[in-house]
PDB file of all heavy atoms in Angstrom:
ATOM      1  N   ALA A   1      10.208 -17.588 -11.885  1.00  0.00           N
ATOM      2  CA  ALA A   1      10.364 -16.484 -10.943  1.00  0.00           C
ATOM      3  C   ALA A   1      10.062 -15.142 -11.601  1.00  0.00           C
ATOM      4  O   ALA A   1       9.484 -14.249 -10.971  1.00  0.00           O
ATOM      5  CB  ALA A   1      11.776 -16.473 -10.361  1.00  0.00           C
ATOM      6  N   GLN A   2      10.444 -14.991 -12.886  1.00  0.00           N
ATOM      7  CA  GLN A   2      10.237 -13.734 -13.596  1.00  0.00           C
ATOM      8  C   GLN A   2       8.800 -13.527 -14.040  1.00  0.00           C
ATOM      9  O   GLN A   2       8.371 -12.371 -14.212  1.00  0.00           O
ATOM     10  CB  GLN A   2      11.129 -13.672 -14.847  1.00  0.00           C
ATOM     11  CG  GLN A   2      12.614 -13.621 -14.591  1.00  0.00           C
ATOM     12  CD  GLN A   2      13.409 -13.555 -15.870  1.00  0.00           C
ATOM     13  OE1 GLN A   2      13.113 -12.771 -16.768  1.00  0.00           O
ATOM     14  NE2 GLN A   2      14.427 -14.385 -15.981  1.00  0.00           N
ATOM     15  N   ASN A   3       8.059 -14.598 -14.223  1.00  0.00           N
ATOM     16  CA  ASN A   3       6.731 -14.480 -14.837  1.00  0.00           C
ATOM     17  C   ASN A   3       5.620 -15.026 -13.936  1.00  0.00           C
ATOM     18  O   ASN A   3       4.993 -14.272 -13.190  1.00  0.00           O
ATOM     19  CB  ASN A   3       6.734 -15.191 -16.199  1.00  0.00           C
ATOM     20  CG  ASN A   3       7.678 -14.529 -17.182  1.00  0.00           C
ATOM     21  OD1 ASN A   3       7.413 -13.442 -17.694  1.00  0.00           O
ATOM     22  ND2 ASN A   3       8.807 -15.179 -17.478  1.00  0.00           N
ATOM     23  N   ALA A   4       5.370 -16.333 -13.997  1.00  0.00           N
ATOM     24  CA  ALA A   4       4.202 -16.900 -13.320  1.00  0.00           C
ATOM     25  C   ALA A   4       4.194 -16.633 -11.821  1.00  0.00           C
ATOM     26  O   ALA A   4       3.195 -16.170 -11.261  1.00  0.00           O
ATOM     27  CB  ALA A   4       4.134 -18.404 -13.596  1.00  0.00           C
ATOM     28  N   LEU A   5       5.316 -16.903 -11.155  1.00  0.00           N
ATOM     29  CA  LEU A   5       5.347 -16.793  -9.696  1.00  0.00           C
ATOM     30  C   LEU A   5       5.186 -15.358  -9.226  1.00  0.00           C
ATOM     31  O   LEU A   5       4.402 -15.077  -8.310  1.00  0.00           O
ATOM     32  CB  LEU A   5       6.646 -17.389  -9.157  1.00  0.00           C
ATOM     33  CG  LEU A   5       6.780 -17.453  -7.622  1.00  0.00           C
ATOM     34  CD1 LEU A   5       5.633 -18.255  -7.020  1.00  0.00           C
ATOM     35  CD2 LEU A   5       8.124 -18.065  -7.240  1.00  0.00           C
ATOM     36  N   ILE A   6       5.909 -14.435  -9.839  1.00  0.00           N
ATOM     37  CA  ILE A   6       5.817 -13.037  -9.414  1.00  0.00           C
ATOM     38  C   ILE A   6       4.441 -12.466  -9.738  1.00  0.00           C
ATOM     39  O   ILE A   6       3.904 -11.639  -8.991  1.00  0.00           O
ATOM     40  CB  ILE A   6       6.949 -12.186 -10.036  1.00  0.00           C
ATOM     41  CG1 ILE A   6       7.056 -10.839  -9.303  1.00  0.00           C
ATOM     42  CG2 ILE A   6       6.731 -11.964 -11.525  1.00  0.00           C
ATOM     43  CD1 ILE A   6       8.271 -10.021  -9.735  1.00  0.00           C
ATOM     44  N   ASN A   7       3.825 -12.913 -10.844  1.00  0.00           N
ATOM     45  CA  ASN A   7       2.495 -12.419 -11.207  1.00  0.00           C
ATOM     46  C   ASN A   7       1.437 -12.910 -10.222  1.00  0.00           C
ATOM     47  O   ASN A   7       0.562 -12.144  -9.790  1.00  0.00           O
ATOM     48  CB  ASN A   7       2.139 -12.862 -12.623  1.00  0.00           C
ATOM     49  CG  ASN A   7       2.953 -12.143 -13.678  1.00  0.00           C
ATOM     50  OD1 ASN A   7       3.469 -11.050 -13.449  1.00  0.00           O
ATOM     51  ND2 ASN A   7       3.095 -12.750 -14.844  1.00  0.00           N
ATOM     52  N   ILE A   8       1.490 -14.195  -9.861  1.00  0.00           N
ATOM     53  CA  ILE A   8       0.535 -14.746  -8.898  1.00  0.00           C
ATOM     54  C   ILE A   8       0.681 -14.048  -7.547  1.00  0.00           C
ATOM     55  O   ILE A   8      -0.301 -13.644  -6.918  1.00  0.00           O
ATOM     56  CB  ILE A   8       0.737 -16.264  -8.746  1.00  0.00           C
ATOM     57  CG1 ILE A   8       0.345 -16.987 -10.039  1.00  0.00           C
ATOM     58  CG2 ILE A   8      -0.088 -16.807  -7.581  1.00  0.00           C
ATOM     59  CD1 ILE A   8       0.746 -18.447 -10.064  1.00  0.00           C
ATOM     60  N   THR A   9       1.927 -13.885  -7.118  1.00  0.00           N
ATOM     61  CA  THR A   9       2.183 -13.240  -5.833  1.00  0.00           C
ATOM     62  C   THR A   9       1.707 -11.793  -5.828  1.00  0.00           C
ATOM     63  O   THR A   9       1.186 -11.305  -4.819  1.00  0.00           O
ATOM     64  CB  THR A   9       3.685 -13.306  -5.494  1.00  0.00           C
ATOM     65  OG1 THR A   9       4.140 -14.652  -5.567  1.00  0.00           O
ATOM     66  CG2 THR A   9       3.949 -12.766  -4.093  1.00  0.00           C
ATOM     67  N   THR A  10       1.886 -11.119  -6.948  1.00  0.00           N
ATOM     68  CA  THR A  10       1.461  -9.721  -7.051  1.00  0.00           C
ATOM     69  C   THR A  10      -0.046  -9.576  -6.837  1.00  0.00           C
ATOM     70  O   THR A  10      -0.502  -8.610  -6.208  1.00  0.00           O
ATOM     71  CB  THR A  10       1.860  -9.138  -8.418  1.00  0.00           C
ATOM     72  OG1 THR A  10       3.284  -9.158  -8.553  1.00  0.00           O
ATOM     73  CG2 THR A  10       1.377  -7.703  -8.561  1.00  0.00           C
ATOM     74  N   ILE A  11      -0.814 -10.524  -7.340  1.00  0.00           N
ATOM     75  CA  ILE A  11      -2.271 -10.484  -7.154  1.00  0.00           C
ATOM     76  C   ILE A  11      -2.623 -10.497  -5.671  1.00  0.00           C
ATOM     77  O   ILE A  11      -3.365  -9.645  -5.174  1.00  0.00           O
ATOM     78  CB  ILE A  11      -2.938 -11.664  -7.884  1.00  0.00           C
ATOM     79  CG1 ILE A  11      -2.792 -11.522  -9.394  1.00  0.00           C
ATOM     80  CG2 ILE A  11      -4.426 -11.745  -7.507  1.00  0.00           C
ATOM     81  CD1 ILE A  11      -3.267 -12.741 -10.178  1.00  0.00           C
ATOM     82  N   PHE A  12      -2.084 -11.470  -4.953  1.00  0.00           N
ATOM     83  CA  PHE A  12      -2.416 -11.599  -3.532  1.00  0.00           C
ATOM     84  C   PHE A  12      -1.780 -10.492  -2.696  1.00  0.00           C
ATOM     85  O   PHE A  12      -2.354 -10.050  -1.701  1.00  0.00           O
ATOM     86  CB  PHE A  12      -2.001 -12.979  -3.027  1.00  0.00           C
ATOM     87  CG  PHE A  12      -2.820 -14.097  -3.604  1.00  0.00           C
ATOM     88  CD1 PHE A  12      -2.314 -14.898  -4.612  1.00  0.00           C
ATOM     89  CD2 PHE A  12      -4.108 -14.319  -3.150  1.00  0.00           C
ATOM     90  CE1 PHE A  12      -3.082 -15.918  -5.162  1.00  0.00           C
ATOM     91  CE2 PHE A  12      -4.885 -15.337  -3.697  1.00  0.00           C
ATOM     92  CZ  PHE A  12      -4.370 -16.128  -4.700  1.00  0.00           C
ATOM     93  N   LEU A  13      -0.614 -10.025  -3.114  1.00  0.00           N
ATOM     94  CA  LEU A  13       0.016  -8.908  -2.411  1.00  0.00           C
ATOM     95  C   LEU A  13      -0.844  -7.657  -2.528  1.00  0.00           C
ATOM     96  O   LEU A  13      -1.094  -6.962  -1.535  1.00  0.00           O
ATOM     97  CB  LEU A  13       1.411  -8.651  -2.978  1.00  0.00           C
ATOM     98  CG  LEU A  13       2.185  -7.479  -2.361  1.00  0.00           C
ATOM     99  CD1 LEU A  13       2.575  -7.789  -0.933  1.00  0.00           C
ATOM    100  CD2 LEU A  13       3.446  -7.175  -3.180  1.00  0.00           C
ATOM    101  N   GLY A  14      -1.295  -7.364  -3.731  1.00  0.00           N
ATOM    102  CA  GLY A  14      -2.118  -6.174  -3.948  1.00  0.00           C
ATOM    103  C   GLY A  14      -3.432  -6.230  -3.192  1.00  0.00           C
ATOM    104  O   GLY A  14      -3.849  -5.249  -2.558  1.00  0.00           O
ATOM    105  N   LEU A  15      -4.118  -7.369  -3.241  1.00  0.00           N
ATOM    106  CA  LEU A  15      -5.378  -7.513  -2.507  1.00  0.00           C
ATOM    107  C   LEU A  15      -5.147  -7.402  -1.000  1.00  0.00           C
ATOM    108  O   LEU A  15      -5.968  -6.817  -0.278  1.00  0.00           O
ATOM    109  CB  LEU A  15      -6.028  -8.859  -2.838  1.00  0.00           C
ATOM    110  CG  LEU A  15      -6.601  -9.002  -4.252  1.00  0.00           C
ATOM    111  CD1 LEU A  15      -7.041 -10.443  -4.501  1.00  0.00           C
ATOM    112  CD2 LEU A  15      -7.784  -8.052  -4.474  1.00  0.00           C
ATOM    113  N   SER A  16      -4.029  -7.939  -0.523  1.00  0.00           N
ATOM    114  CA  SER A  16      -3.711  -7.870   0.908  1.00  0.00           C
ATOM    115  C   SER A  16      -3.451  -6.439   1.350  1.00  0.00           C
ATOM    116  O   SER A  16      -3.884  -6.013   2.423  1.00  0.00           O
ATOM    117  CB  SER A  16      -2.500  -8.751   1.223  1.00  0.00           C
ATOM    118  OG  SER A  16      -2.739 -10.102   0.885  1.00  0.00           O
ATOM    119  N   VAL A  17      -2.735  -5.678   0.520  1.00  0.00           N
ATOM    120  CA  VAL A  17      -2.511  -4.269   0.832  1.00  0.00           C
ATOM    121  C   VAL A  17      -3.844  -3.520   0.835  1.00  0.00           C
ATOM    122  O   VAL A  17      -4.115  -2.694   1.714  1.00  0.00           O
ATOM    123  CB  VAL A  17      -1.537  -3.638  -0.174  1.00  0.00           C
ATOM    124  CG1 VAL A  17      -1.472  -2.124   0.020  1.00  0.00           C
ATOM    125  CG2 VAL A  17      -0.150  -4.242  -0.019  1.00  0.00           C
ATOM    126  N   GLY A  18      -4.677  -3.807  -0.152  1.00  0.00           N
ATOM    127  CA  GLY A  18      -5.994  -3.174  -0.217  1.00  0.00           C
ATOM    128  C   GLY A  18      -6.842  -3.448   1.012  1.00  0.00           C
ATOM    129  O   GLY A  18      -7.652  -2.614   1.418  1.00  0.00           O
ATOM    130  N   SER A  19      -6.629  -4.617   1.634  1.00  0.00           N
ATOM    131  CA  SER A  19      -7.398  -4.961   2.833  1.00  0.00           C
ATOM    132  C   SER A  19      -7.115  -4.007   3.982  1.00  0.00           C
ATOM    133  O   SER A  19      -7.906  -3.924   4.935  1.00  0.00           O
ATOM    134  CB  SER A  19      -7.097  -6.400   3.258  1.00  0.00           C
ATOM    135  OG  SER A  19      -5.800  -6.508   3.857  1.00  0.00           O
ATOM    136  N   LYS A  20      -5.983  -3.303   3.934  1.00  0.00           N
ATOM    137  CA  LYS A  20      -5.627  -2.360   4.988  1.00  0.00           C
ATOM    138  C   LYS A  20      -6.201  -0.965   4.749  1.00  0.00           C
ATOM    139  O   LYS A  20      -5.936  -0.046   5.543  1.00  0.00           O
ATOM    140  CB  LYS A  20      -4.110  -2.284   5.134  1.00  0.00           C
ATOM    141  CG  LYS A  20      -3.487  -3.558   5.699  1.00  0.00           C
ATOM    142  CD  LYS A  20      -4.013  -3.824   7.107  1.00  0.00           C
ATOM    143  CE  LYS A  20      -3.428  -5.044   7.728  1.00  0.00           C
ATOM    144  NZ  LYS A  20      -3.915  -5.258   9.127  1.00  0.00           N
ATOM    145  N   LEU A  21      -6.961  -0.796   3.674  1.00  0.00           N
ATOM    146  CA  LEU A  21      -7.574   0.495   3.391  1.00  0.00           C
ATOM    147  C   LEU A  21      -8.977   0.588   3.993  1.00  0.00           C
ATOM    148  O   LEU A  21      -9.847   1.288   3.466  1.00  0.00           O
ATOM    149  CB  LEU A  21      -7.641   0.732   1.873  1.00  0.00           C
ATOM    150  CG  LEU A  21      -6.302   0.711   1.127  1.00  0.00           C
ATOM    151  CD1 LEU A  21      -6.509   1.008  -0.354  1.00  0.00           C
ATOM    152  CD2 LEU A  21      -5.336   1.708   1.729  1.00  0.00           C
ATOM    153  N   VAL A  22      -9.198  -0.105   5.095  1.00  0.00           N
ATOM    154  CA  VAL A  22     -10.487  -0.046   5.781  1.00  0.00           C
ATOM    155  C   VAL A  22     -10.663   1.343   6.393  1.00  0.00           C
ATOM    156  O   VAL A  22      -9.732   1.894   6.990  1.00  0.00           O
ATOM    157  CB  VAL A  22     -10.570  -1.126   6.869  1.00  0.00           C
ATOM    158  CG1 VAL A  22     -11.934  -1.085   7.544  1.00  0.00           C
ATOM    159  CG2 VAL A  22     -10.305  -2.496   6.288  1.00  0.00           C
ATOM    160  N   ALA A  23     -11.848   1.903   6.241  1.00  0.00           N
ATOM    161  CA  ALA A  23     -12.098   3.295   6.632  1.00  0.00           C
ATOM    162  C   ALA A  23     -11.723   3.584   8.074  1.00  0.00           C
ATOM    163  O   ALA A  23     -11.069   4.586   8.372  1.00  0.00           O
ATOM    164  CB  ALA A  23     -13.567   3.644   6.379  1.00  0.00           C
ATOM    165  N   ASP A  24     -12.140   2.710   9.012  1.00  0.00           N
ATOM    166  CA  ASP A  24     -11.926   3.018  10.427  1.00  0.00           C
ATOM    167  C   ASP A  24     -10.456   2.932  10.843  1.00  0.00           C
ATOM    168  O   ASP A  24     -10.095   3.359  11.934  1.00  0.00           O
ATOM    169  CB  ASP A  24     -12.777   2.102  11.311  1.00  0.00           C
ATOM    170  CG  ASP A  24     -12.506   0.623  11.072  1.00  0.00           C
ATOM    171  OD1 ASP A  24     -11.715   0.301  10.167  1.00  0.00           O
ATOM    172  OD2 ASP A  24     -13.102  -0.221  11.776  1.00  0.00           O
ATOM    173  N   LYS A  25      -9.605   2.366   9.982  1.00  0.00           N
ATOM    174  CA  LYS A  25      -8.185   2.273  10.298  1.00  0.00           C
ATOM    175  C   LYS A  25      -7.335   3.206   9.440  1.00  0.00           C
ATOM    176  O   LYS A  25      -6.221   3.546   9.821  1.00  0.00           O
ATOM    177  CB  LYS A  25      -7.698   0.835  10.111  1.00  0.00           C
ATOM    178  CG  LYS A  25      -8.395  -0.180  11.012  1.00  0.00           C
ATOM    179  CD  LYS A  25      -7.902  -1.586  10.740  1.00  0.00           C
ATOM    180  CE  LYS A  25      -8.631  -2.599  11.627  1.00  0.00           C
ATOM    181  NZ  LYS A  25      -8.189  -4.001  11.350  1.00  0.00           N
ATOM    182  N   PHE A  26      -7.855   3.614   8.288  1.00  0.00           N
ATOM    183  CA  PHE A  26      -7.062   4.372   7.333  1.00  0.00           C
ATOM    184  C   PHE A  26      -7.277   5.875   7.446  1.00  0.00           C
ATOM    185  O   PHE A  26      -6.337   6.652   7.269  1.00  0.00           O
ATOM    186  CB  PHE A  26      -7.401   3.905   5.905  1.00  0.00           C
ATOM    187  CG  PHE A  26      -6.502   4.469   4.839  1.00  0.00           C
ATOM    188  CD1 PHE A  26      -5.278   3.873   4.563  1.00  0.00           C
ATOM    189  CD2 PHE A  26      -6.874   5.579   4.105  1.00  0.00           C
ATOM    190  CE1 PHE A  26      -4.450   4.384   3.582  1.00  0.00           C
ATOM    191  CE2 PHE A  26      -6.052   6.091   3.122  1.00  0.00           C
ATOM    192  CZ  PHE A  26      -4.837   5.496   2.861  1.00  0.00           C
ATOM    193  N   LEU A  27      -8.503   6.297   7.727  1.00  0.00           N
ATOM    194  CA  LEU A  27      -8.840   7.717   7.698  1.00  0.00           C
ATOM    195  C   LEU A  27      -8.485   8.406   9.013  1.00  0.00           C
ATOM    196  O   LEU A  27      -9.271   8.427   9.953  1.00  0.00           O
ATOM    197  CB  LEU A  27     -10.332   7.902   7.394  1.00  0.00           C
ATOM    198  CG  LEU A  27     -10.781   7.472   5.992  1.00  0.00           C
ATOM    199  CD1 LEU A  27     -12.285   7.617   5.846  1.00  0.00           C
ATOM    200  CD2 LEU A  27     -10.053   8.288   4.926  1.00  0.00           C
ATOM    201  N   ASP A  28      -7.299   8.943   9.104  1.00  0.00           N
ATOM    202  CA  ASP A  28      -6.900   9.756  10.242  1.00  0.00           C
ATOM    203  C   ASP A  28      -5.778  10.688   9.819  1.00  0.00           C
ATOM    204  O   ASP A  28      -5.268  10.610   8.708  1.00  0.00           O
ATOM    205  CB  ASP A  28      -6.485   8.894  11.448  1.00  0.00           C
ATOM    206  CG  ASP A  28      -5.359   7.921  11.111  1.00  0.00           C
ATOM    207  OD1 ASP A  28      -4.513   8.231  10.255  1.00  0.00           O
ATOM    208  OD2 ASP A  28      -5.327   6.839  11.716  1.00  0.00           O
ATOM    209  N   MET A  29      -5.371  11.578  10.706  1.00  0.00           N
ATOM    210  CA  MET A  29      -4.342  12.564  10.383  1.00  0.00           C
ATOM    211  C   MET A  29      -2.986  11.923  10.118  1.00  0.00           C
ATOM    212  O   MET A  29      -2.182  12.438   9.346  1.00  0.00           O
ATOM    213  CB  MET A  29      -4.224  13.575  11.525  1.00  0.00           C
ATOM    214  CG  MET A  29      -5.371  14.570  11.598  1.00  0.00           C
ATOM    215  SD  MET A  29      -5.521  15.542  10.066  1.00  0.00           S
ATOM    216  CE  MET A  29      -3.951  16.397  10.068  1.00  0.00           C
ATOM    217  N   ASN A  30      -2.729  10.795  10.786  1.00  0.00           N
ATOM    218  CA  ASN A  30      -1.460  10.114  10.561  1.00  0.00           C
ATOM    219  C   ASN A  30      -1.302   9.680   9.106  1.00  0.00           C
ATOM    220  O   ASN A  30      -0.197   9.694   8.554  1.00  0.00           O
ATOM    221  CB  ASN A  30      -1.325   8.905  11.486  1.00  0.00           C
ATOM    222  CG  ASN A  30      -0.979   9.297  12.909  1.00  0.00           C
ATOM    223  OD1 ASN A  30      -0.597  10.438  13.183  1.00  0.00           O
ATOM    224  ND2 ASN A  30      -1.103   8.368  13.836  1.00  0.00           N
ATOM    225  N   THR A  31      -2.403   9.281   8.477  1.00  0.00           N
ATOM    226  CA  THR A  31      -2.351   8.882   7.076  1.00  0.00           C
ATOM    227  C   THR A  31      -1.927  10.049   6.194  1.00  0.00           C
ATOM    228  O   THR A  31      -1.080   9.899   5.301  1.00  0.00           O
ATOM    229  CB  THR A  31      -3.715   8.342   6.626  1.00  0.00           C
ATOM    230  OG1 THR A  31      -4.078   7.207   7.414  1.00  0.00           O
ATOM    231  CG2 THR A  31      -3.665   7.940   5.155  1.00  0.00           C
ATOM    232  N   LEU A  32      -2.520  11.209   6.440  1.00  0.00           N
ATOM    233  CA  LEU A  32      -2.130  12.400   5.679  1.00  0.00           C
ATOM    234  C   LEU A  32      -0.660  12.737   5.926  1.00  0.00           C
ATOM    235  O   LEU A  32       0.057  13.147   5.009  1.00  0.00           O
ATOM    236  CB  LEU A  32      -3.019  13.585   6.067  1.00  0.00           C
ATOM    237  CG  LEU A  32      -4.507  13.443   5.751  1.00  0.00           C
ATOM    238  CD1 LEU A  32      -5.276  14.664   6.250  1.00  0.00           C
ATOM    239  CD2 LEU A  32      -4.727  13.262   4.250  1.00  0.00           C
ATOM    240  N   GLY A  33      -0.223  12.558   7.171  1.00  0.00           N
ATOM    241  CA  GLY A  33       1.181  12.793   7.487  1.00  0.00           C
ATOM    242  C   GLY A  33       2.101  11.857   6.726  1.00  0.00           C
ATOM    243  O   GLY A  33       3.167  12.262   6.242  1.00  0.00           O
ATOM    244  N   ILE A  34       1.696  10.589   6.612  1.00  0.00           N
ATOM    245  CA  ILE A  34       2.496   9.602   5.876  1.00  0.00           C
ATOM    246  C   ILE A  34       2.593   9.978   4.403  1.00  0.00           C
ATOM    247  O   ILE A  34       3.668   9.915   3.796  1.00  0.00           O
ATOM    248  CB  ILE A  34       1.886   8.204   6.043  1.00  0.00           C
ATOM    249  CG1 ILE A  34       2.095   7.716   7.476  1.00  0.00           C
ATOM    250  CG2 ILE A  34       2.505   7.215   5.053  1.00  0.00           C
ATOM    251  CD1 ILE A  34       1.314   6.461   7.808  1.00  0.00           C
ATOM    252  N   LEU A  35       1.481  10.375   3.809  1.00  0.00           N
ATOM    253  CA  LEU A  35       1.483  10.773   2.399  1.00  0.00           C
ATOM    254  C   LEU A  35       2.383  11.992   2.184  1.00  0.00           C
ATOM    255  O   LEU A  35       3.121  12.063   1.191  1.00  0.00           O
ATOM    256  CB  LEU A  35       0.060  11.065   1.930  1.00  0.00           C
ATOM    257  CG  LEU A  35      -0.901   9.863   1.933  1.00  0.00           C
ATOM    258  CD1 LEU A  35      -2.317  10.311   1.584  1.00  0.00           C
ATOM    259  CD2 LEU A  35      -0.440   8.793   0.947  1.00  0.00           C
ATOM    260  N   GLY A  36       2.319  12.958   3.111  1.00  0.00           N
ATOM    261  CA  GLY A  36       3.168  14.140   2.992  1.00  0.00           C
ATOM    262  C   GLY A  36       4.639  13.818   3.161  1.00  0.00           C
ATOM    263  O   GLY A  36       5.491  14.273   2.391  1.00  0.00           O
ATOM    264  N   LEU A  37       4.965  13.002   4.176  1.00  0.00           N
ATOM    265  CA  LEU A  37       6.354  12.607   4.400  1.00  0.00           C
ATOM    266  C   LEU A  37       6.883  11.764   3.245  1.00  0.00           C
ATOM    267  O   LEU A  37       8.064  11.835   2.898  1.00  0.00           O
ATOM    268  CB  LEU A  37       6.475  11.827   5.709  1.00  0.00           C
ATOM    269  CG  LEU A  37       6.337  12.641   7.000  1.00  0.00           C
ATOM    270  CD1 LEU A  37       6.191  11.716   8.200  1.00  0.00           C
ATOM    271  CD2 LEU A  37       7.550  13.552   7.187  1.00  0.00           C
ATOM    272  N   GLY A  38       6.002  10.972   2.633  1.00  0.00           N
ATOM    273  CA  GLY A  38       6.416  10.133   1.517  1.00  0.00           C
ATOM    274  C   GLY A  38       6.908  10.938   0.333  1.00  0.00           C
ATOM    275  O   GLY A  38       7.947  10.631  -0.262  1.00  0.00           O
ATOM    276  N   ILE A  39       6.190  11.987  -0.027  1.00  0.00           N
ATOM    277  CA  ILE A  39       6.600  12.807  -1.167  1.00  0.00           C
ATOM    278  C   ILE A  39       7.885  13.565  -0.845  1.00  0.00           C
ATOM    279  O   ILE A  39       8.751  13.753  -1.707  1.00  0.00           O
ATOM    280  CB  ILE A  39       5.464  13.762  -1.593  1.00  0.00           C
ATOM    281  CG1 ILE A  39       5.791  14.428  -2.928  1.00  0.00           C
ATOM    282  CG2 ILE A  39       5.207  14.823  -0.534  1.00  0.00           C
ATOM    283  CD1 ILE A  39       5.817  13.506  -4.085  1.00  0.00           C
ATOM    284  N   VAL A  40       8.035  13.991   0.416  1.00  0.00           N
ATOM    285  CA  VAL A  40       9.277  14.649   0.824  1.00  0.00           C
ATOM    286  C   VAL A  40      10.452  13.677   0.733  1.00  0.00           C
ATOM    287  O   VAL A  40      11.531  14.015   0.232  1.00  0.00           O
ATOM    288  CB  VAL A  40       9.154  15.210   2.254  1.00  0.00           C
ATOM    289  CG1 VAL A  40      10.506  15.702   2.757  1.00  0.00           C
ATOM    290  CG2 VAL A  40       8.135  16.343   2.292  1.00  0.00           C
ATOM    291  N   ALA A  41      10.239  12.459   1.210  1.00  0.00           N
ATOM    292  CA  ALA A  41      11.288  11.443   1.157  1.00  0.00           C
ATOM    293  C   ALA A  41      11.717  11.162  -0.271  1.00  0.00           C
ATOM    294  O   ALA A  41      12.914  11.071  -0.577  1.00  0.00           O
ATOM    295  CB  ALA A  41      10.784  10.152   1.813  1.00  0.00           C
ATOM    296  N   PHE A  42      10.741  11.054  -1.158  1.00  0.00           N
ATOM    297  CA  PHE A  42      11.037  10.770  -2.555  1.00  0.00           C
ATOM    298  C   PHE A  42      11.811  11.921  -3.194  1.00  0.00           C
ATOM    299  O   PHE A  42      12.767  11.706  -3.944  1.00  0.00           O
ATOM    300  CB  PHE A  42       9.730  10.527  -3.315  1.00  0.00           C
ATOM    301  CG  PHE A  42       9.909   9.878  -4.643  1.00  0.00           C
ATOM    302  CD1 PHE A  42      10.087   8.509  -4.739  1.00  0.00           C
ATOM    303  CD2 PHE A  42       9.908  10.612  -5.796  1.00  0.00           C
ATOM    304  CE1 PHE A  42      10.266   7.913  -5.967  1.00  0.00           C
ATOM    305  CE2 PHE A  42      10.074  10.026  -7.021  1.00  0.00           C
ATOM    306  CZ  PHE A  42      10.254   8.665  -7.103  1.00  0.00           C
ATOM    307  N   GLY A  43      11.403  13.139  -2.890  1.00  0.00           N
ATOM    308  CA  GLY A  43      12.091  14.305  -3.428  1.00  0.00           C
ATOM    309  C   GLY A  43      13.531  14.398  -2.943  1.00  0.00           C
ATOM    310  O   GLY A  43      14.446  14.696  -3.715  1.00  0.00           O
TER     311      GLY A  43
END
């Protein structure tokens, strides 16, 4: 769980997240709003 399994899962998780960075779905004002709200939330 600490090594092999989490590492394998991380590969597919990362590629799956990357699949959502398609231009026609990612590039809009809402995305900029999310990035701005994210830094505020973290702060």
